[in-house]
Amino acid sequence: MGSEVIVLPVIFGSVFGMYYLYISARNRERLALIEKGADATIFYSKNRRITPVWRVVILNLALLCIGIGLGIFLANLFIHSFNMEEDVAYPATIFVMAGIGLLLGFYLTKKMD
């Protein structure tokens, strides 16, 4: 009973901790650059071309869904062709193909920038 109560605060604490570390590290880095005499406008340069976030999200979601669909299809193929067990084939191929889809999305996102 006690473990169910602890899971939710641990998740929220982890998310808050990562956000806090990101903000504090960014602040320390900026302060160090300003102390060395760097101009503060380097943090807000407008001449960089940035890919909109919605394009990245849609691309990654599409490739994730394609990977999951391909994983289900391949699992069904493995079950009927190679007589694999369903309990092994479905999770393994779904996770592998979803991971490949996300990895492909990462590389395509890098090309978009």
PDB file of N, CA and C in Angstrom:
ATOM      1  N   MET A   1       0.826  -1.195   0.000  1.00  0.00           N
ATOM      2  CA  MET A   1       0.000   0.000   0.000  1.00  0.00           C
ATOM      3  C   MET A   1       0.860   1.245   0.000  1.00  0.00           C
ATOM      4  N   GLY A   2       1.993   1.213   0.680  1.00  0.00           N
ATOM      5  CA  GLY A   2       2.817   2.403   0.797  1.00  0.00           C
ATOM      6  C   GLY A   2       3.518   2.784  -0.493  1.00  0.00           C
ATOM      7  N   SER A   3       3.825   1.808  -1.332  1.00  0.00           N
ATOM      8  CA  SER A   3       4.568   2.118  -2.559  1.00  0.00           C
ATOM      9  C   SER A   3       3.717   2.893  -3.562  1.00  0.00           C
ATOM     10  N   GLU A   4       2.403   2.681  -3.572  1.00  0.00           N
ATOM     11  CA  GLU A   4       1.546   3.414  -4.496  1.00  0.00           C
ATOM     12  C   GLU A   4       1.486   4.887  -4.139  1.00  0.00           C
ATOM     13  N   VAL A   5       1.585   5.194  -2.867  1.00  0.00           N
ATOM     14  CA  VAL A   5       1.502   6.572  -2.413  1.00  0.00           C
ATOM     15  C   VAL A   5       2.798   7.315  -2.722  1.00  0.00           C
ATOM     16  N   ILE A   6       3.908   6.632  -2.777  1.00  0.00           N
ATOM     17  CA  ILE A   6       5.210   7.262  -2.965  1.00  0.00           C
ATOM     18  C   ILE A   6       5.503   7.543  -4.437  1.00  0.00           C
ATOM     19  N   VAL A   7       4.922   6.797  -5.344  1.00  0.00           N
ATOM     20  CA  VAL A   7       5.265   6.907  -6.763  1.00  0.00           C
ATOM     21  C   VAL A   7       4.965   8.298  -7.319  1.00  0.00           C
ATOM     22  N   LEU A   8       3.794   8.836  -7.073  1.00  0.00           N
ATOM     23  CA  LEU A   8       3.403  10.128  -7.629  1.00  0.00           C
ATOM     24  C   LEU A   8       4.307  11.269  -7.142  1.00  0.00           C
ATOM     25  N   PRO A   9       4.590  11.391  -5.832  1.00  0.00           N
ATOM     26  CA  PRO A   9       5.520  12.454  -5.422  1.00  0.00           C
ATOM     27  C   PRO A   9       6.930  12.285  -5.997  1.00  0.00           C
ATOM     28  N   VAL A  10       7.361  11.056  -6.180  1.00  0.00           N
ATOM     29  CA  VAL A  10       8.693  10.828  -6.758  1.00  0.00           C
ATOM     30  C   VAL A  10       8.725  11.315  -8.209  1.00  0.00           C
ATOM     31  N   ILE A  11       7.666  11.050  -8.963  1.00  0.00           N
ATOM     32  CA  ILE A  11       7.613  11.508 -10.352  1.00  0.00           C
ATOM     33  C   ILE A  11       7.618  13.032 -10.400  1.00  0.00           C
ATOM     34  N   PHE A  12       6.751  13.679  -9.618  1.00  0.00           N
ATOM     35  CA  PHE A  12       6.707  15.136  -9.621  1.00  0.00           C
ATOM     36  C   PHE A  12       8.003  15.733  -9.094  1.00  0.00           C
ATOM     37  N   GLY A  13       8.594  15.117  -8.095  1.00  0.00           N
ATOM     38  CA  GLY A  13       9.877  15.594  -7.575  1.00  0.00           C
ATOM     39  C   GLY A  13      10.988  15.486  -8.599  1.00  0.00           C
ATOM     40  N   SER A  14      10.983  14.419  -9.371  1.00  0.00           N
ATOM     41  CA  SER A  14      12.000  14.252 -10.417  1.00  0.00           C
ATOM     42  C   SER A  14      11.848  15.309 -11.499  1.00  0.00           C
ATOM     43  N   VAL A  15      10.620  15.559 -11.927  1.00  0.00           N
ATOM     44  CA  VAL A  15      10.391  16.581 -12.952  1.00  0.00           C
ATOM     45  C   VAL A  15      10.794  17.952 -12.427  1.00  0.00           C
ATOM     46  N   PHE A  16      10.401  18.272 -11.200  1.00  0.00           N
ATOM     47  CA  PHE A  16      10.786  19.553 -10.613  1.00  0.00           C
ATOM     48  C   PHE A  16      12.300  19.658 -10.470  1.00  0.00           C
ATOM     49  N   GLY A  17      12.964  18.584 -10.060  1.00  0.00           N
ATOM     50  CA  GLY A  17      14.416  18.597  -9.902  1.00  0.00           C
ATOM     51  C   GLY A  17      15.128  18.835 -11.220  1.00  0.00           C
ATOM     52  N   MET A  18      14.662  18.189 -12.299  1.00  0.00           N
ATOM     53  CA  MET A  18      15.290  18.410 -13.606  1.00  0.00           C
ATOM     54  C   MET A  18      15.085  19.844 -14.076  1.00  0.00           C
ATOM     55  N   TYR A  19      13.888  20.396 -13.872  1.00  0.00           N
ATOM     56  CA  TYR A  19      13.610  21.774 -14.269  1.00  0.00           C
ATOM     57  C   TYR A  19      14.474  22.740 -13.460  1.00  0.00           C
ATOM     58  N   TYR A  20      14.579  22.497 -12.158  1.00  0.00           N
ATOM     59  CA  TYR A  20      15.382  23.372 -11.301  1.00  0.00           C
ATOM     60  C   TYR A  20      16.858  23.328 -11.703  1.00  0.00           C
ATOM     61  N   LEU A  21      17.387  22.135 -11.982  1.00  0.00           N
ATOM     62  CA  LEU A  21      18.778  22.027 -12.416  1.00  0.00           C
ATOM     63  C   LEU A  21      19.009  22.728 -13.750  1.00  0.00           C
ATOM     64  N   TYR A  22      18.064  22.632 -14.657  1.00  0.00           N
ATOM     65  CA  TYR A  22      18.187  23.306 -15.944  1.00  0.00           C
ATOM     66  C   TYR A  22      18.240  24.816 -15.757  1.00  0.00           C
ATOM     67  N   ILE A  23      17.319  25.357 -14.963  1.00  0.00           N
ATOM     68  CA  ILE A  23      17.267  26.804 -14.754  1.00  0.00           C
ATOM     69  C   ILE A  23      18.502  27.291 -14.011  1.00  0.00           C
ATOM     70  N   SER A  24      18.910  26.581 -12.965  1.00  0.00           N
ATOM     71  CA  SER A  24      20.067  27.057 -12.191  1.00  0.00           C
ATOM     72  C   SER A  24      21.365  26.948 -12.989  1.00  0.00           C
ATOM     73  N   ALA A  25      21.526  25.905 -13.792  1.00  0.00           N
ATOM     74  CA  ALA A  25      22.729  25.774 -14.609  1.00  0.00           C
ATOM     75  C   ALA A  25      22.770  26.857 -15.680  1.00  0.00           C
ATOM     76  N   ARG A  26      21.633  27.150 -16.271  1.00  0.00           N
ATOM     77  CA  ARG A  26      21.574  28.208 -17.282  1.00  0.00           C
ATOM     78  C   ARG A  26      21.908  29.559 -16.664  1.00  0.00           C
ATOM     79  N   ASN A  27      21.400  29.798 -15.472  1.00  0.00           N
ATOM     80  CA  ASN A  27      21.667  31.062 -14.791  1.00  0.00           C
ATOM     81  C   ASN A  27      23.152  31.190 -14.454  1.00  0.00           C
ATOM     82  N   ARG A  28      23.760  30.115 -13.925  1.00  0.00           N
ATOM     83  CA  ARG A  28      25.194  30.159 -13.594  1.00  0.00           C
ATOM     84  C   ARG A  28      26.048  30.384 -14.836  1.00  0.00           C
ATOM     85  N   GLU A  29      25.685  29.737 -15.938  1.00  0.00           N
ATOM     86  CA  GLU A  29      26.444  29.896 -17.175  1.00  0.00           C
ATOM     87  C   GLU A  29      26.361  31.328 -17.678  1.00  0.00           C
ATOM     88  N   ARG A  30      25.197  31.901 -17.633  1.00  0.00           N
ATOM     89  CA  ARG A  30      25.035  33.283 -18.087  1.00  0.00           C
ATOM     90  C   ARG A  30      25.781  34.256 -17.191  1.00  0.00           C
ATOM     91  N   LEU A  31      25.719  34.040 -15.895  1.00  0.00           N
ATOM     92  CA  LEU A  31      26.446  34.928 -14.979  1.00  0.00           C
ATOM     93  C   LEU A  31      27.955  34.834 -15.206  1.00  0.00           C
ATOM     94  N   ALA A  32      28.455  33.637 -15.458  1.00  0.00           N
ATOM     95  CA  ALA A  32      29.890  33.479 -15.703  1.00  0.00           C
ATOM     96  C   ALA A  32      30.306  34.193 -16.984  1.00  0.00           C
ATOM     97  N   LEU A  33      29.500  34.110 -18.023  1.00  0.00           N
ATOM     98  CA  LEU A  33      29.823  34.796 -19.268  1.00  0.00           C
ATOM     99  C   LEU A  33      29.771  36.311 -19.108  1.00  0.00           C
ATOM    100  N   ILE A  34      28.803  36.796 -18.365  1.00  0.00           N
ATOM    101  CA  ILE A  34      28.697  38.240 -18.145  1.00  0.00           C
ATOM    102  C   ILE A  34      29.863  38.740 -17.299  1.00  0.00           C
ATOM    103  N   GLU A  35      30.298  37.958 -16.298  1.00  0.00           N
ATOM    104  CA  GLU A  35      31.436  38.357 -15.477  1.00  0.00           C
ATOM    105  C   GLU A  35      32.720  38.449 -16.293  1.00  0.00           C
ATOM    106  N   LYS A  36      32.830  37.603 -17.319  1.00  0.00           N
ATOM    107  CA  LYS A  36      34.030  37.640 -18.169  1.00  0.00           C
ATOM    108  C   LYS A  36      33.961  38.748 -19.206  1.00  0.00           C
ATOM    109  N   GLY A  37      32.872  39.476 -19.264  1.00  0.00           N
ATOM    110  CA  GLY A  37      32.767  40.608 -20.167  1.00  0.00           C
ATOM    111  C   GLY A  37      32.028  40.328 -21.454  1.00  0.00           C
ATOM    112  N   ALA A  38      31.400  39.156 -21.580  1.00  0.00           N
ATOM    113  CA  ALA A  38      30.642  38.842 -22.789  1.00  0.00           C
ATOM    114  C   ALA A  38      29.365  39.663 -22.808  1.00  0.00           C
ATOM    115  N   ASP A  39      28.931  40.009 -23.987  1.00  0.00           N
ATOM    116  CA  ASP A  39      27.721  40.798 -24.136  1.00  0.00           C
ATOM    117  C   ASP A  39      26.492  39.929 -23.868  1.00  0.00           C
ATOM    118  N   ALA A  40      25.526  40.467 -23.163  1.00  0.00           N
ATOM    119  CA  ALA A  40      24.336  39.691 -22.791  1.00  0.00           C
ATOM    120  C   ALA A  40      23.410  39.448 -23.969  1.00  0.00           C
ATOM    121  N   THR A  41      23.628  40.132 -25.087  1.00  0.00           N
ATOM    122  CA  THR A  41      22.741  39.943 -26.239  1.00  0.00           C
ATOM    123  C   THR A  41      22.988  38.616 -26.945  1.00  0.00           C
ATOM    124  N   ILE A  42      24.063  37.898 -26.611  1.00  0.00           N
ATOM    125  CA  ILE A  42      24.298  36.599 -27.248  1.00  0.00           C
ATOM    126  C   ILE A  42      23.242  35.577 -26.842  1.00  0.00           C
ATOM    127  N   PHE A  43      22.559  35.826 -25.726  1.00  0.00           N
ATOM    128  CA  PHE A  43      21.516  34.906 -25.279  1.00  0.00           C
ATOM    129  C   PHE A  43      20.219  35.085 -26.054  1.00  0.00           C
ATOM    130  N   TYR A  44      20.063  36.230 -26.693  1.00  0.00           N
ATOM    131  CA  TYR A  44      18.815  36.547 -27.379  1.00  0.00           C
ATOM    132  C   TYR A  44      19.047  36.883 -28.843  1.00  0.00           C
ATOM    133  N   SER A  45      19.905  36.160 -29.519  1.00  0.00           N
ATOM    134  CA  SER A  45      20.192  36.460 -30.920  1.00  0.00           C
ATOM    135  C   SER A  45      18.976  36.099 -31.773  1.00  0.00           C
ATOM    136  N   LYS A  46      18.598  36.996 -32.656  1.00  0.00           N
ATOM    137  CA  LYS A  46      17.415  36.810 -33.496  1.00  0.00           C
ATOM    138  C   LYS A  46      17.752  36.265 -34.873  1.00  0.00           C
ATOM    139  N   ASN A  47      19.040  36.175 -35.219  1.00  0.00           N
ATOM    140  CA  ASN A  47      19.390  35.772 -36.564  1.00  0.00           C
ATOM    141  C   ASN A  47      19.454  34.261 -36.753  1.00  0.00           C
ATOM    142  N   ARG A  48      19.262  33.482 -35.696  1.00  0.00           N
ATOM    143  CA  ARG A  48      19.269  32.026 -35.826  1.00  0.00           C
ATOM    144  C   ARG A  48      17.933  31.549 -36.365  1.00  0.00           C
ATOM    145  N   ARG A  49      17.993  30.538 -37.237  1.00  0.00           N
ATOM    146  CA  ARG A  49      16.766  29.933 -37.749  1.00  0.00           C
ATOM    147  C   ARG A  49      16.421  28.754 -36.855  1.00  0.00           C
ATOM    148  N   ILE A  50      15.262  28.799 -36.239  1.00  0.00           N
ATOM    149  CA  ILE A  50      14.845  27.752 -35.313  1.00  0.00           C
ATOM    150  C   ILE A  50      13.607  27.065 -35.881  1.00  0.00           C
ATOM    151  N   THR A  51      13.626  25.749 -35.894  1.00  0.00           N
ATOM    152  CA  THR A  51      12.480  24.978 -36.362  1.00  0.00           C
ATOM    153  C   THR A  51      11.355  25.100 -35.338  1.00  0.00           C
ATOM    154  N   PRO A  52      10.129  25.353 -35.783  1.00  0.00           N
ATOM    155  CA  PRO A  52       9.012  25.435 -34.835  1.00  0.00           C
ATOM    156  C   PRO A  52       8.828  24.121 -34.073  1.00  0.00           C
ATOM    157  N   VAL A  53       8.431  24.240 -32.825  1.00  0.00           N
ATOM    158  CA  VAL A  53       8.291  23.083 -31.949  1.00  0.00           C
ATOM    159  C   VAL A  53       7.207  22.139 -32.461  1.00  0.00           C
ATOM    160  N   TRP A  54       6.142  22.684 -33.010  1.00  0.00           N
ATOM    161  CA  TRP A  54       5.043  21.824 -33.450  1.00  0.00           C
ATOM    162  C   TRP A  54       5.476  20.882 -34.564  1.00  0.00           C
ATOM    163  N   ARG A  55       6.403  21.317 -35.415  1.00  0.00           N
ATOM    164  CA  ARG A  55       6.888  20.427 -36.471  1.00  0.00           C
ATOM    165  C   ARG A  55       7.660  19.245 -35.893  1.00  0.00           C
ATOM    166  N   VAL A  56       8.474  19.534 -34.900  1.00  0.00           N
ATOM    167  CA  VAL A  56       9.270  18.483 -34.267  1.00  0.00           C
ATOM    168  C   VAL A  56       8.361  17.492 -33.556  1.00  0.00           C
ATOM    169  N   VAL A  57       7.353  18.007 -32.840  1.00  0.00           N
ATOM    170  CA  VAL A  57       6.431  17.136 -32.102  1.00  0.00           C
ATOM    171  C   VAL A  57       5.636  16.257 -33.069  1.00  0.00           C
ATOM    172  N   ILE A  58       5.128  16.853 -34.135  1.00  0.00           N
ATOM    173  CA  ILE A  58       4.340  16.073 -35.095  1.00  0.00           C
ATOM    174  C   ILE A  58       5.202  15.021 -35.781  1.00  0.00           C
ATOM    175  N   LEU A  59       6.432  15.395 -36.162  1.00  0.00           N
ATOM    176  CA  LEU A  59       7.329  14.433 -36.801  1.00  0.00           C
ATOM    177  C   LEU A  59       7.624  13.258 -35.876  1.00  0.00           C
ATOM    178  N   ASN A  60       7.955  13.547 -34.616  1.00  0.00           N
ATOM    179  CA  ASN A  60       8.273  12.468 -33.681  1.00  0.00           C
ATOM    180  C   ASN A  60       7.054  11.612 -33.356  1.00  0.00           C
ATOM    181  N   LEU A  61       5.886  12.232 -33.199  1.00  0.00           N
ATOM    182  CA  LEU A  61       4.667  11.451 -32.940  1.00  0.00           C
ATOM    183  C   LEU A  61       4.315  10.566 -34.130  1.00  0.00           C
ATOM    184  N   ALA A  62       4.457  11.103 -35.338  1.00  0.00           N
ATOM    185  CA  ALA A  62       4.147  10.308 -36.529  1.00  0.00           C
ATOM    186  C   ALA A  62       5.084   9.115 -36.632  1.00  0.00           C
ATOM    187  N   LEU A  63       6.383   9.334 -36.431  1.00  0.00           N
ATOM    188  CA  LEU A  63       7.328   8.229 -36.524  1.00  0.00           C
ATOM    189  C   LEU A  63       7.147   7.225 -35.382  1.00  0.00           C
ATOM    190  N   LEU A  64       6.742   7.707 -34.205  1.00  0.00           N
ATOM    191  CA  LEU A  64       6.455   6.798 -33.100  1.00  0.00           C
ATOM    192  C   LEU A  64       5.256   5.911 -33.430  1.00  0.00           C
ATOM    193  N   CYS A  65       4.194   6.507 -33.961  1.00  0.00           N
ATOM    194  CA  CYS A  65       3.010   5.717 -34.323  1.00  0.00           C
ATOM    195  C   CYS A  65       3.319   4.735 -35.448  1.00  0.00           C
ATOM    196  N   ILE A  66       4.125   5.160 -36.422  1.00  0.00           N
ATOM    197  CA  ILE A  66       4.529   4.257 -37.493  1.00  0.00           C
ATOM    198  C   ILE A  66       5.335   3.093 -36.914  1.00  0.00           C
ATOM    199  N   GLY A  67       6.230   3.394 -35.971  1.00  0.00           N
ATOM    200  CA  GLY A  67       7.031   2.349 -35.344  1.00  0.00           C
ATOM    201  C   GLY A  67       6.182   1.367 -34.560  1.00  0.00           C
ATOM    202  N   ILE A  68       5.201   1.868 -33.830  1.00  0.00           N
ATOM    203  CA  ILE A  68       4.320   0.979 -33.060  1.00  0.00           C
ATOM    204  C   ILE A  68       3.497   0.100 -34.008  1.00  0.00           C
ATOM    205  N   GLY A  69       2.953   0.698 -35.065  1.00  0.00           N
ATOM    206  CA  GLY A  69       2.188  -0.086 -36.038  1.00  0.00           C
ATOM    207  C   GLY A  69       3.036  -1.150 -36.709  1.00  0.00           C
ATOM    208  N   LEU A  70       4.257  -0.784 -37.083  1.00  0.00           N
ATOM    209  CA  LEU A  70       5.162  -1.757 -37.687  1.00  0.00           C
ATOM    210  C   LEU A  70       5.524  -2.846 -36.686  1.00  0.00           C
ATOM    211  N   GLY A  71       5.665  -2.492 -35.413  1.00  0.00           N
ATOM    212  CA  GLY A  71       5.979  -3.474 -34.378  1.00  0.00           C
ATOM    213  C   GLY A  71       4.863  -4.489 -34.214  1.00  0.00           C
ATOM    214  N   ILE A  72       3.620  -4.021 -34.230  1.00  0.00           N
ATOM    215  CA  ILE A  72       2.482  -4.936 -34.120  1.00  0.00           C
ATOM    216  C   ILE A  72       2.420  -5.853 -35.338  1.00  0.00           C
ATOM    217  N   PHE A  73       2.651  -5.270 -36.521  1.00  0.00           N
ATOM    218  CA  PHE A  73       2.627  -6.076 -37.750  1.00  0.00           C
ATOM    219  C   PHE A  73       3.728  -7.140 -37.727  1.00  0.00           C
ATOM    220  N   LEU A  74       4.947  -6.740 -37.362  1.00  0.00           N
ATOM    221  CA  LEU A  74       6.051  -7.703 -37.320  1.00  0.00           C
ATOM    222  C   LEU A  74       5.837  -8.765 -36.245  1.00  0.00           C
ATOM    223  N   ALA A  75       5.262  -8.375 -35.108  1.00  0.00           N
ATOM    224  CA  ALA A  75       4.990  -9.354 -34.060  1.00  0.00           C
ATOM    225  C   ALA A  75       4.000 -10.400 -34.551  1.00  0.00           C
ATOM    226  N   ASN A  76       2.966  -9.944 -35.235  1.00  0.00           N
ATOM    227  CA  ASN A  76       1.988 -10.878 -35.787  1.00  0.00           C
ATOM    228  C   ASN A  76       2.645 -11.796 -36.816  1.00  0.00           C
ATOM    229  N   LEU A  77       3.539 -11.236 -37.613  1.00  0.00           N
ATOM    230  CA  LEU A  77       4.273 -12.034 -38.595  1.00  0.00           C
ATOM    231  C   LEU A  77       5.160 -13.068 -37.903  1.00  0.00           C
ATOM    232  N   PHE A  78       5.848 -12.667 -36.845  1.00  0.00           N
ATOM    233  CA  PHE A  78       6.710 -13.593 -36.098  1.00  0.00           C
ATOM    234  C   PHE A  78       5.900 -14.709 -35.451  1.00  0.00           C
ATOM    235  N   ILE A  79       4.735 -14.375 -34.936  1.00  0.00           N
ATOM    236  CA  ILE A  79       3.900 -15.378 -34.257  1.00  0.00           C
ATOM    237  C   ILE A  79       3.428 -16.441 -35.250  1.00  0.00           C
ATOM    238  N   HIS A  80       2.974 -15.996 -36.413  1.00  0.00           N
ATOM    239  CA  HIS A  80       2.414 -16.956 -37.370  1.00  0.00           C
ATOM    240  C   HIS A  80       3.475 -17.649 -38.218  1.00  0.00           C
ATOM    241  N   SER A  81       4.596 -16.999 -38.465  1.00  0.00           N
ATOM    242  CA  SER A  81       5.625 -17.602 -39.316  1.00  0.00           C
ATOM    243  C   SER A  81       6.612 -18.449 -38.532  1.00  0.00           C
ATOM    244  N   PHE A  82       7.087 -17.918 -37.415  1.00  0.00           N
ATOM    245  CA  PHE A  82       8.142 -18.588 -36.654  1.00  0.00           C
ATOM    246  C   PHE A  82       7.647 -19.233 -35.370  1.00  0.00           C
ATOM    247  N   ASN A  83       6.341 -19.254 -35.153  1.00  0.00           N
ATOM    248  CA  ASN A  83       5.708 -19.844 -33.970  1.00  0.00           C
ATOM    249  C   ASN A  83       6.294 -19.295 -32.666  1.00  0.00           C
ATOM    250  N   MET A  84       6.525 -17.993 -32.620  1.00  0.00           N
ATOM    251  CA  MET A  84       6.986 -17.358 -31.372  1.00  0.00           C
ATOM    252  C   MET A  84       5.814 -17.229 -30.408  1.00  0.00           C
ATOM    253  N   GLU A  85       6.123 -17.064 -29.141  1.00  0.00           N
ATOM    254  CA  GLU A  85       5.075 -16.851 -28.150  1.00  0.00           C
ATOM    255  C   GLU A  85       4.581 -15.408 -28.238  1.00  0.00           C
ATOM    256  N   GLU A  86       3.279 -15.231 -28.054  1.00  0.00           N
ATOM    257  CA  GLU A  86       2.699 -13.887 -28.122  1.00  0.00           C
ATOM    258  C   GLU A  86       3.228 -12.989 -27.014  1.00  0.00           C
ATOM    259  N   ASP A  87       3.448 -13.575 -25.830  1.00  0.00           N
ATOM    260  CA  ASP A  87       3.891 -12.783 -24.685  1.00  0.00           C
ATOM    261  C   ASP A  87       5.269 -12.174 -24.905  1.00  0.00           C
ATOM    262  N   VAL A  88       6.054 -12.760 -25.776  1.00  0.00           N
ATOM    263  CA  VAL A  88       7.398 -12.255 -26.057  1.00  0.00           C
ATOM    264  C   VAL A  88       7.398 -11.395 -27.307  1.00  0.00           C
ATOM    265  N   ALA A  89       6.697 -11.817 -28.327  1.00  0.00           N
ATOM    266  CA  ALA A  89       6.783 -11.169 -29.636  1.00  0.00           C
ATOM    267  C   ALA A  89       6.210  -9.757 -29.628  1.00  0.00           C
ATOM    268  N   TYR A  90       5.034  -9.568 -29.055  1.00  0.00           N
ATOM    269  CA  TYR A  90       4.396  -8.257 -29.118  1.00  0.00           C
ATOM    270  C   TYR A  90       5.185  -7.171 -28.381  1.00  0.00           C
ATOM    271  N   PRO A  91       5.485  -7.326 -27.093  1.00  0.00           N
ATOM    272  CA  PRO A  91       6.223  -6.237 -26.428  1.00  0.00           C
ATOM    273  C   PRO A  91       7.599  -5.982 -27.030  1.00  0.00           C
ATOM    274  N   ALA A  92       8.304  -7.046 -27.394  1.00  0.00           N
ATOM    275  CA  ALA A  92       9.665  -6.874 -27.903  1.00  0.00           C
ATOM    276  C   ALA A  92       9.667  -6.100 -29.211  1.00  0.00           C
ATOM    277  N   THR A  93       8.853  -6.511 -30.162  1.00  0.00           N
ATOM    278  CA  THR A  93       8.880  -5.825 -31.451  1.00  0.00           C
ATOM    279  C   THR A  93       8.283  -4.427 -31.372  1.00  0.00           C
ATOM    280  N   ILE A  94       7.267  -4.238 -30.536  1.00  0.00           N
ATOM    281  CA  ILE A  94       6.686  -2.897 -30.395  1.00  0.00           C
ATOM    282  C   ILE A  94       7.723  -1.938 -29.821  1.00  0.00           C
ATOM    283  N   PHE A  95       8.419  -2.327 -28.760  1.00  0.00           N
ATOM    284  CA  PHE A  95       9.412  -1.435 -28.165  1.00  0.00           C
ATOM    285  C   PHE A  95      10.597  -1.194 -29.092  1.00  0.00           C
ATOM    286  N   VAL A  96      11.037  -2.232 -29.782  1.00  0.00           N
ATOM    287  CA  VAL A  96      12.181  -2.066 -30.693  1.00  0.00           C
ATOM    288  C   VAL A  96      11.806  -1.132 -31.843  1.00  0.00           C
ATOM    289  N   MET A  97      10.671  -1.346 -32.458  1.00  0.00           N
ATOM    290  CA  MET A  97      10.279  -0.515 -33.595  1.00  0.00           C
ATOM    291  C   MET A  97       9.927   0.906 -33.166  1.00  0.00           C
ATOM    292  N   ALA A  98       9.324   1.077 -31.983  1.00  0.00           N
ATOM    293  CA  ALA A  98       9.057   2.429 -31.489  1.00  0.00           C
ATOM    294  C   ALA A  98      10.369   3.154 -31.218  1.00  0.00           C
ATOM    295  N   GLY A  99      11.342   2.458 -30.662  1.00  0.00           N
ATOM    296  CA  GLY A  99      12.650   3.064 -30.430  1.00  0.00           C
ATOM    297  C   GLY A  99      13.342   3.442 -31.720  1.00  0.00           C
ATOM    298  N   ILE A 100      13.248   2.591 -32.722  1.00  0.00           N
ATOM    299  CA  ILE A 100      13.838   2.917 -34.026  1.00  0.00           C
ATOM    300  C   ILE A 100      13.135   4.125 -34.638  1.00  0.00           C
ATOM    301  N   GLY A 101      11.826   4.207 -34.481  1.00  0.00           N
ATOM    302  CA  GLY A 101      11.082   5.362 -34.985  1.00  0.00           C
ATOM    303  C   GLY A 101      11.499   6.647 -34.304  1.00  0.00           C
ATOM    304  N   LEU A 102      11.683   6.609 -32.981  1.00  0.00           N
ATOM    305  CA  LEU A 102      12.121   7.807 -32.258  1.00  0.00           C
ATOM    306  C   LEU A 102      13.551   8.188 -32.611  1.00  0.00           C
ATOM    307  N   LEU A 103      14.405   7.196 -32.811  1.00  0.00           N
ATOM    308  CA  LEU A 103      15.780   7.478 -33.225  1.00  0.00           C
ATOM    309  C   LEU A 103      15.800   8.116 -34.615  1.00  0.00           C
ATOM    310  N   LEU A 104      14.983   7.612 -35.514  1.00  0.00           N
ATOM    311  CA  LEU A 104      14.866   8.212 -36.835  1.00  0.00           C
ATOM    312  C   LEU A 104      14.330   9.642 -36.731  1.00  0.00           C
ATOM    313  N   GLY A 105      13.377   9.850 -35.831  1.00  0.00           N
ATOM    314  CA  GLY A 105      12.853  11.201 -35.607  1.00  0.00           C
ATOM    315  C   GLY A 105      13.913  12.148 -35.083  1.00  0.00           C
ATOM    316  N   PHE A 106      14.794  11.649 -34.239  1.00  0.00           N
ATOM    317  CA  PHE A 106      15.887  12.477 -33.720  1.00  0.00           C
ATOM    318  C   PHE A 106      16.802  12.923 -34.853  1.00  0.00           C
ATOM    319  N   TYR A 107      17.182  11.995 -35.722  1.00  0.00           N
ATOM    320  CA  TYR A 107      18.074  12.349 -36.827  1.00  0.00           C
ATOM    321  C   TYR A 107      17.392  13.272 -37.841  1.00  0.00           C
ATOM    322  N   LEU A 108      16.116  13.056 -38.097  1.00  0.00           N
ATOM    323  CA  LEU A 108      15.397  13.940 -39.024  1.00  0.00           C
ATOM    324  C   LEU A 108      15.213  15.330 -38.420  1.00  0.00           C
ATOM    325  N   THR A 109      15.024  15.414 -37.100  1.00  0.00           N
ATOM    326  CA  THR A 109      14.920  16.710 -36.444  1.00  0.00           C
ATOM    327  C   THR A 109      16.230  17.469 -36.519  1.00  0.00           C
ATOM    328  N   LYS A 110      17.347  16.752 -36.374  1.00  0.00           N
ATOM    329  CA  LYS A 110      18.652  17.407 -36.505  1.00  0.00           C
ATOM    330  C   LYS A 110      18.828  17.957 -37.912  1.00  0.00           C
ATOM    331  N   LYS A 111      18.340  17.250 -38.926  1.00  0.00           N
ATOM    332  CA  LYS A 111      18.442  17.733 -40.302  1.00  0.00           C
ATOM    333  C   LYS A 111      17.549  18.944 -40.542  1.00  0.00           C
ATOM    334  N   MET A 112      16.422  19.033 -39.824  1.00  0.00           N
ATOM    335  CA  MET A 112      15.515  20.175 -39.999  1.00  0.00           C
ATOM    336  C   MET A 112      16.157  21.466 -39.538  1.00  0.00           C
ATOM    337  N   ASP A 113      16.985  21.403 -38.508  1.00  0.00           N
ATOM    338  CA  ASP A 113      17.656  22.615 -38.028  1.00  0.00           C
ATOM    339  C   ASP A 113      18.720  22.957 -39.026  1.00  0.00           C
TER     340      ASP A 113
END
